[in-house]
Amino acid sequence: PKLFAHWRTPKFPPMLSSYPAHNHKSLLFCDAAWDMTRSLAIHGLNLFIREVCLTASLIDNSSL
């Protein structure tokens, strides 16, 4: 779908890639989950994982 086409070039979705490097553990998990769900074309789960990752990144940031 065209909706997801612009996410194929960067490794992470645009919003995830803007988080700082000290979140690398969260981002590595998100990257793996993103690639897996994207390759399986499970777009609903894909979006859910993206939201979970963004939330986790925000929590990680606030605790540092």
PDB file of N, CA and C in Angstrom:
ATOM      1  N   PRO A   1       0.820  -1.220   0.000  1.00  0.00           N
ATOM      2  CA  PRO A   1       0.000   0.000   0.000  1.00  0.00           C
ATOM      3  C   PRO A   1       0.851   1.266   0.000  1.00  0.00           C
ATOM      4  N   LYS A   2       0.349   2.293  -0.625  1.00  0.00           N
ATOM      5  CA  LYS A   2       1.089   3.553  -0.710  1.00  0.00           C
ATOM      6  C   LYS A   2       1.354   4.153   0.666  1.00  0.00           C
ATOM      7  N   LEU A   3       0.454   3.880   1.610  1.00  0.00           N
ATOM      8  CA  LEU A   3       0.593   4.415   2.957  1.00  0.00           C
ATOM      9  C   LEU A   3       1.943   4.054   3.563  1.00  0.00           C
ATOM     10  N   PHE A   4       2.442   2.852   3.254  1.00  0.00           N
ATOM     11  CA  PHE A   4       3.668   2.372   3.871  1.00  0.00           C
ATOM     12  C   PHE A   4       4.898   2.571   2.993  1.00  0.00           C
ATOM     13  N   ALA A   5       4.688   3.033   1.766  1.00  0.00           N
ATOM     14  CA  ALA A   5       5.801   3.116   0.823  1.00  0.00           C
ATOM     15  C   ALA A   5       6.900   4.040   1.313  1.00  0.00           C
ATOM     16  N   HIS A   6       6.538   5.149   1.970  1.00  0.00           N
ATOM     17  CA  HIS A   6       7.550   6.122   2.373  1.00  0.00           C
ATOM     18  C   HIS A   6       8.343   5.637   3.580  1.00  0.00           C
ATOM     19  N   TRP A   7       7.951   4.513   4.199  1.00  0.00           N
ATOM     20  CA  TRP A   7       8.705   3.962   5.333  1.00  0.00           C
ATOM     21  C   TRP A   7       9.719   2.919   4.889  1.00  0.00           C
ATOM     22  N   ARG A   8       9.757   2.604   3.614  1.00  0.00           N
ATOM     23  CA  ARG A   8      10.625   1.513   3.178  1.00  0.00           C
ATOM     24  C   ARG A   8      12.077   1.939   3.037  1.00  0.00           C
ATOM     25  N   THR A   9      12.312   3.205   2.761  1.00  0.00           N
ATOM     26  CA  THR A   9      13.686   3.654   2.562  1.00  0.00           C
ATOM     27  C   THR A   9      14.471   3.737   3.862  1.00  0.00           C
ATOM     28  N   PRO A  10      14.009   4.478   4.878  1.00  0.00           N
ATOM     29  CA  PRO A  10      14.740   4.479   6.146  1.00  0.00           C
ATOM     30  C   PRO A  10      14.559   3.161   6.884  1.00  0.00           C
ATOM     31  N   LYS A  11      15.543   2.838   7.730  1.00  0.00           N
ATOM     32  CA  LYS A  11      15.467   1.593   8.481  1.00  0.00           C
ATOM     33  C   LYS A  11      14.327   1.634   9.482  1.00  0.00           C
ATOM     34  N   PHE A  12      14.112   2.767  10.097  1.00  0.00           N
ATOM     35  CA  PHE A  12      13.044   2.949  11.068  1.00  0.00           C
ATOM     36  C   PHE A  12      11.955   3.827  10.471  1.00  0.00           C
ATOM     37  N   PRO A  13      10.758   3.711  11.004  1.00  0.00           N
ATOM     38  CA  PRO A  13       9.746   4.699  10.651  1.00  0.00           C
ATOM     39  C   PRO A  13      10.250   6.099  11.014  1.00  0.00           C
ATOM     40  N   PRO A  14       9.824   7.129  10.319  1.00  0.00           N
ATOM     41  CA  PRO A  14      10.362   8.482  10.518  1.00  0.00           C
ATOM     42  C   PRO A  14      10.366   8.938  11.968  1.00  0.00           C
ATOM     43  N   MET A  15       9.293   8.662  12.705  1.00  0.00           N
ATOM     44  CA  MET A  15       9.227   9.153  14.077  1.00  0.00           C
ATOM     45  C   MET A  15      10.221   8.431  14.984  1.00  0.00           C
ATOM     46  N   LEU A  16      10.381   7.131  14.769  1.00  0.00           N
ATOM     47  CA  LEU A  16      11.326   6.375  15.594  1.00  0.00           C
ATOM     48  C   LEU A  16      12.755   6.835  15.354  1.00  0.00           C
ATOM     49  N   SER A  17      13.076   7.127  14.100  1.00  0.00           N
ATOM     50  CA  SER A  17      14.462   7.466  13.774  1.00  0.00           C
ATOM     51  C   SER A  17      14.888   8.790  14.386  1.00  0.00           C
ATOM     52  N   SER A  18      13.928   9.570  14.890  1.00  0.00           N
ATOM     53  CA  SER A  18      14.283  10.864  15.465  1.00  0.00           C
ATOM     54  C   SER A  18      14.677  10.758  16.939  1.00  0.00           C
ATOM     55  N   TYR A  19      14.545   9.574  17.517  1.00  0.00           N
ATOM     56  CA  TYR A  19      14.903   9.426  18.927  1.00  0.00           C
ATOM     57  C   TYR A  19      16.409   9.309  19.106  1.00  0.00           C
ATOM     58  N   PRO A  20      16.939   9.726  20.265  1.00  0.00           N
ATOM     59  CA  PRO A  20      18.387   9.741  20.484  1.00  0.00           C
ATOM     60  C   PRO A  20      19.007   8.348  20.516  1.00  0.00           C
ATOM     61  N   ALA A  21      20.314   8.330  20.327  1.00  0.00           N
ATOM     62  CA  ALA A  21      21.032   7.058  20.226  1.00  0.00           C
ATOM     63  C   ALA A  21      21.010   6.270  21.528  1.00  0.00           C
ATOM     64  N   HIS A  22      20.824   6.934  22.677  1.00  0.00           N
ATOM     65  CA  HIS A  22      20.837   6.180  23.925  1.00  0.00           C
ATOM     66  C   HIS A  22      19.613   5.283  24.068  1.00  0.00           C
ATOM     67  N   ASN A  23      18.703   5.380  23.144  1.00  0.00           N
ATOM     68  CA  ASN A  23      17.570   4.463  23.098  1.00  0.00           C
ATOM     69  C   ASN A  23      17.852   3.264  22.199  1.00  0.00           C
ATOM     70  N   HIS A  24      19.122   2.971  21.936  1.00  0.00           N
ATOM     71  CA  HIS A  24      19.432   1.996  20.896  1.00  0.00           C
ATOM     72  C   HIS A  24      18.847   0.623  21.181  1.00  0.00           C
ATOM     73  N   LYS A  25      18.729   0.234  22.448  1.00  0.00           N
ATOM     74  CA  LYS A  25      18.156  -1.082  22.737  1.00  0.00           C
ATOM     75  C   LYS A  25      16.694  -1.138  22.324  1.00  0.00           C
ATOM     76  N   SER A  26      15.947  -0.106  22.666  1.00  0.00           N
ATOM     77  CA  SER A  26      14.550  -0.044  22.241  1.00  0.00           C
ATOM     78  C   SER A  26      14.458  -0.027  20.720  1.00  0.00           C
ATOM     79  N   LEU A  27      15.338   0.739  20.099  1.00  0.00           N
ATOM     80  CA  LEU A  27      15.275   0.866  18.650  1.00  0.00           C
ATOM     81  C   LEU A  27      15.670  -0.425  17.953  1.00  0.00           C
ATOM     82  N   LEU A  28      16.625  -1.172  18.523  1.00  0.00           N
ATOM     83  CA  LEU A  28      16.998  -2.446  17.916  1.00  0.00           C
ATOM     84  C   LEU A  28      15.825  -3.411  17.952  1.00  0.00           C
ATOM     85  N   PHE A  29      15.139  -3.451  19.104  1.00  0.00           N
ATOM     86  CA  PHE A  29      13.949  -4.300  19.183  1.00  0.00           C
ATOM     87  C   PHE A  29      12.896  -3.840  18.181  1.00  0.00           C
ATOM     88  N   CYS A  30      12.676  -2.544  18.138  1.00  0.00           N
ATOM     89  CA  CYS A  30      11.667  -1.999  17.235  1.00  0.00           C
ATOM     90  C   CYS A  30      12.027  -2.286  15.784  1.00  0.00           C
ATOM     91  N   ASP A  31      13.297  -2.171  15.474  1.00  0.00           N
ATOM     92  CA  ASP A  31      13.761  -2.425  14.119  1.00  0.00           C
ATOM     93  C   ASP A  31      13.463  -3.862  13.722  1.00  0.00           C
ATOM     94  N   ALA A  32      13.783  -4.808  14.616  1.00  0.00           N
ATOM     95  CA  ALA A  32      13.540  -6.218  14.319  1.00  0.00           C
ATOM     96  C   ALA A  32      12.043  -6.490  14.174  1.00  0.00           C
ATOM     97  N   ALA A  33      11.269  -5.937  15.105  1.00  0.00           N
ATOM     98  CA  ALA A  33       9.822  -6.142  15.047  1.00  0.00           C
ATOM     99  C   ALA A  33       9.234  -5.497  13.795  1.00  0.00           C
ATOM    100  N   TRP A  34       9.756  -4.310  13.462  1.00  0.00           N
ATOM    101  CA  TRP A  34       9.275  -3.599  12.282  1.00  0.00           C
ATOM    102  C   TRP A  34       9.550  -4.402  11.016  1.00  0.00           C
ATOM    103  N   ASP A  35      10.791  -4.889  10.877  1.00  0.00           N
ATOM    104  CA  ASP A  35      11.144  -5.654   9.681  1.00  0.00           C
ATOM    105  C   ASP A  35      10.306  -6.920   9.572  1.00  0.00           C
ATOM    106  N   MET A  36      10.114  -7.605  10.703  1.00  0.00           N
ATOM    107  CA  MET A  36       9.366  -8.856  10.691  1.00  0.00           C
ATOM    108  C   MET A  36       7.926  -8.618  10.253  1.00  0.00           C
ATOM    109  N   THR A  37       7.265  -7.650  10.890  1.00  0.00           N
ATOM    110  CA  THR A  37       5.859  -7.434  10.562  1.00  0.00           C
ATOM    111  C   THR A  37       5.700  -6.831   9.175  1.00  0.00           C
ATOM    112  N   ARG A  38       6.658  -6.015   8.774  1.00  0.00           N
ATOM    113  CA  ARG A  38       6.564  -5.417   7.437  1.00  0.00           C
ATOM    114  C   ARG A  38       6.699  -6.505   6.376  1.00  0.00           C
ATOM    115  N   SER A  39       7.622  -7.442   6.594  1.00  0.00           N
ATOM    116  CA  SER A  39       7.826  -8.487   5.598  1.00  0.00           C
ATOM    117  C   SER A  39       6.619  -9.423   5.523  1.00  0.00           C
ATOM    118  N   LEU A  40       5.901  -9.545   6.632  1.00  0.00           N
ATOM    119  CA  LEU A  40       4.702 -10.379   6.641  1.00  0.00           C
ATOM    120  C   LEU A  40       3.459  -9.593   6.227  1.00  0.00           C
ATOM    121  N   ALA A  41       3.643  -8.293   6.023  1.00  0.00           N
ATOM    122  CA  ALA A  41       2.554  -7.414   5.588  1.00  0.00           C
ATOM    123  C   ALA A  41       1.395  -7.404   6.580  1.00  0.00           C
ATOM    124  N   ILE A  42       1.719  -7.485   7.864  1.00  0.00           N
ATOM    125  CA  ILE A  42       0.685  -7.405   8.897  1.00  0.00           C
ATOM    126  C   ILE A  42       0.601  -5.946   9.320  1.00  0.00           C
ATOM    127  N   HIS A  43      -0.124  -5.147   8.569  1.00  0.00           N
ATOM    128  CA  HIS A  43      -0.052  -3.702   8.757  1.00  0.00           C
ATOM    129  C   HIS A  43      -0.699  -3.255  10.056  1.00  0.00           C
ATOM    130  N   GLY A  44      -1.754  -3.941  10.491  1.00  0.00           N
ATOM    131  CA  GLY A  44      -2.367  -3.579  11.766  1.00  0.00           C
ATOM    132  C   GLY A  44      -1.399  -3.792  12.914  1.00  0.00           C
ATOM    133  N   LEU A  45      -0.753  -4.963  12.940  1.00  0.00           N
ATOM    134  CA  LEU A  45       0.235  -5.266  13.977  1.00  0.00           C
ATOM    135  C   LEU A  45       1.431  -4.339  13.848  1.00  0.00           C
ATOM    136  N   ASN A  46       1.784  -4.044  12.611  1.00  0.00           N
ATOM    137  CA  ASN A  46       2.889  -3.136  12.328  1.00  0.00           C
ATOM    138  C   ASN A  46       2.672  -1.788  13.006  1.00  0.00           C
ATOM    139  N   LEU A  47       1.486  -1.235  12.837  1.00  0.00           N
ATOM    140  CA  LEU A  47       1.178   0.060  13.438  1.00  0.00           C
ATOM    141  C   LEU A  47       1.132  -0.035  14.953  1.00  0.00           C
ATOM    142  N   PHE A  48       0.618  -1.164  15.459  1.00  0.00           N
ATOM    143  CA  PHE A  48       0.568  -1.364  16.907  1.00  0.00           C
ATOM    144  C   PHE A  48       1.982  -1.377  17.487  1.00  0.00           C
ATOM    145  N   ILE A  49       2.887  -2.108  16.856  1.00  0.00           N
ATOM    146  CA  ILE A  49       4.275  -2.178  17.324  1.00  0.00           C
ATOM    147  C   ILE A  49       4.925  -0.798  17.271  1.00  0.00           C
ATOM    148  N   ARG A  50       4.621  -0.044  16.228  1.00  0.00           N
ATOM    149  CA  ARG A  50       5.200   1.300  16.125  1.00  0.00           C
ATOM    150  C   ARG A  50       4.745   2.169  17.301  1.00  0.00           C
ATOM    151  N   GLU A  51       3.474   2.074  17.665  1.00  0.00           N
ATOM    152  CA  GLU A  51       2.970   2.860  18.790  1.00  0.00           C
ATOM    153  C   GLU A  51       3.619   2.413  20.094  1.00  0.00           C
ATOM    154  N   VAL A  52       3.758   1.098  20.283  1.00  0.00           N
ATOM    155  CA  VAL A  52       4.402   0.573  21.492  1.00  0.00           C
ATOM    156  C   VAL A  52       5.844   1.059  21.568  1.00  0.00           C
ATOM    157  N   CYS A  53       6.536   1.026  20.437  1.00  0.00           N
ATOM    158  CA  CYS A  53       7.930   1.460  20.402  1.00  0.00           C
ATOM    159  C   CYS A  53       8.057   2.944  20.720  1.00  0.00           C
ATOM    160  N   LEU A  54       7.176   3.739  20.177  1.00  0.00           N
ATOM    161  CA  LEU A  54       7.222   5.172  20.447  1.00  0.00           C
ATOM    162  C   LEU A  54       6.966   5.439  21.921  1.00  0.00           C
ATOM    163  N   THR A  55       6.010   4.713  22.496  1.00  0.00           N
ATOM    164  CA  THR A  55       5.707   4.877  23.915  1.00  0.00           C
ATOM    165  C   THR A  55       6.897   4.454  24.757  1.00  0.00           C
ATOM    166  N   ALA A  56       7.506   3.313  24.408  1.00  0.00           N
ATOM    167  CA  ALA A  56       8.665   2.825  25.151  1.00  0.00           C
ATOM    168  C   ALA A  56       9.823   3.815  25.056  1.00  0.00           C
ATOM    169  N   SER A  57      10.001   4.402  23.892  1.00  0.00           N
ATOM    170  CA  SER A  57      11.078   5.372  23.717  1.00  0.00           C
ATOM    171  C   SER A  57      10.855   6.599  24.586  1.00  0.00           C
ATOM    172  N   LEU A  58       9.611   7.040  24.672  1.00  0.00           N
ATOM    173  CA  LEU A  58       9.305   8.203  25.507  1.00  0.00           C
ATOM    174  C   LEU A  58       9.559   7.901  26.975  1.00  0.00           C
ATOM    175  N   ILE A  59       9.183   6.685  27.411  1.00  0.00           N
ATOM    176  CA  ILE A  59       9.409   6.290  28.806  1.00  0.00           C
ATOM    177  C   ILE A  59      10.908   6.214  29.083  1.00  0.00           C
ATOM    178  N   ASP A  60      11.660   5.614  28.151  1.00  0.00           N
ATOM    179  CA  ASP A  60      13.117   5.514  28.311  1.00  0.00           C
ATOM    180  C   ASP A  60      13.736   6.899  28.438  1.00  0.00           C
ATOM    181  N   ASN A  61      13.289   7.814  27.617  1.00  0.00           N
ATOM    182  CA  ASN A  61      13.852   9.164  27.643  1.00  0.00           C
ATOM    183  C   ASN A  61      13.582   9.862  28.963  1.00  0.00           C
ATOM    184  N   SER A  62      12.381   9.689  29.494  1.00  0.00           N
ATOM    185  CA  SER A  62      12.011  10.423  30.699  1.00  0.00           C
ATOM    186  C   SER A  62      12.739   9.896  31.930  1.00  0.00           C
ATOM    187  N   SER A  63      13.239   8.648  31.864  1.00  0.00           N
ATOM    188  CA  SER A  63      13.900   8.072  33.038  1.00  0.00           C
ATOM    189  C   SER A  63      15.390   8.389  33.073  1.00  0.00           C
ATOM    190  N   LEU A  64      15.903   9.020  32.006  1.00  0.00           N
ATOM    191  CA  LEU A  64      17.351   9.298  31.949  1.00  0.00           C
ATOM    192  C   LEU A  64      17.655  10.727  32.381  1.00  0.00           C
TER     193      LEU A  64
END
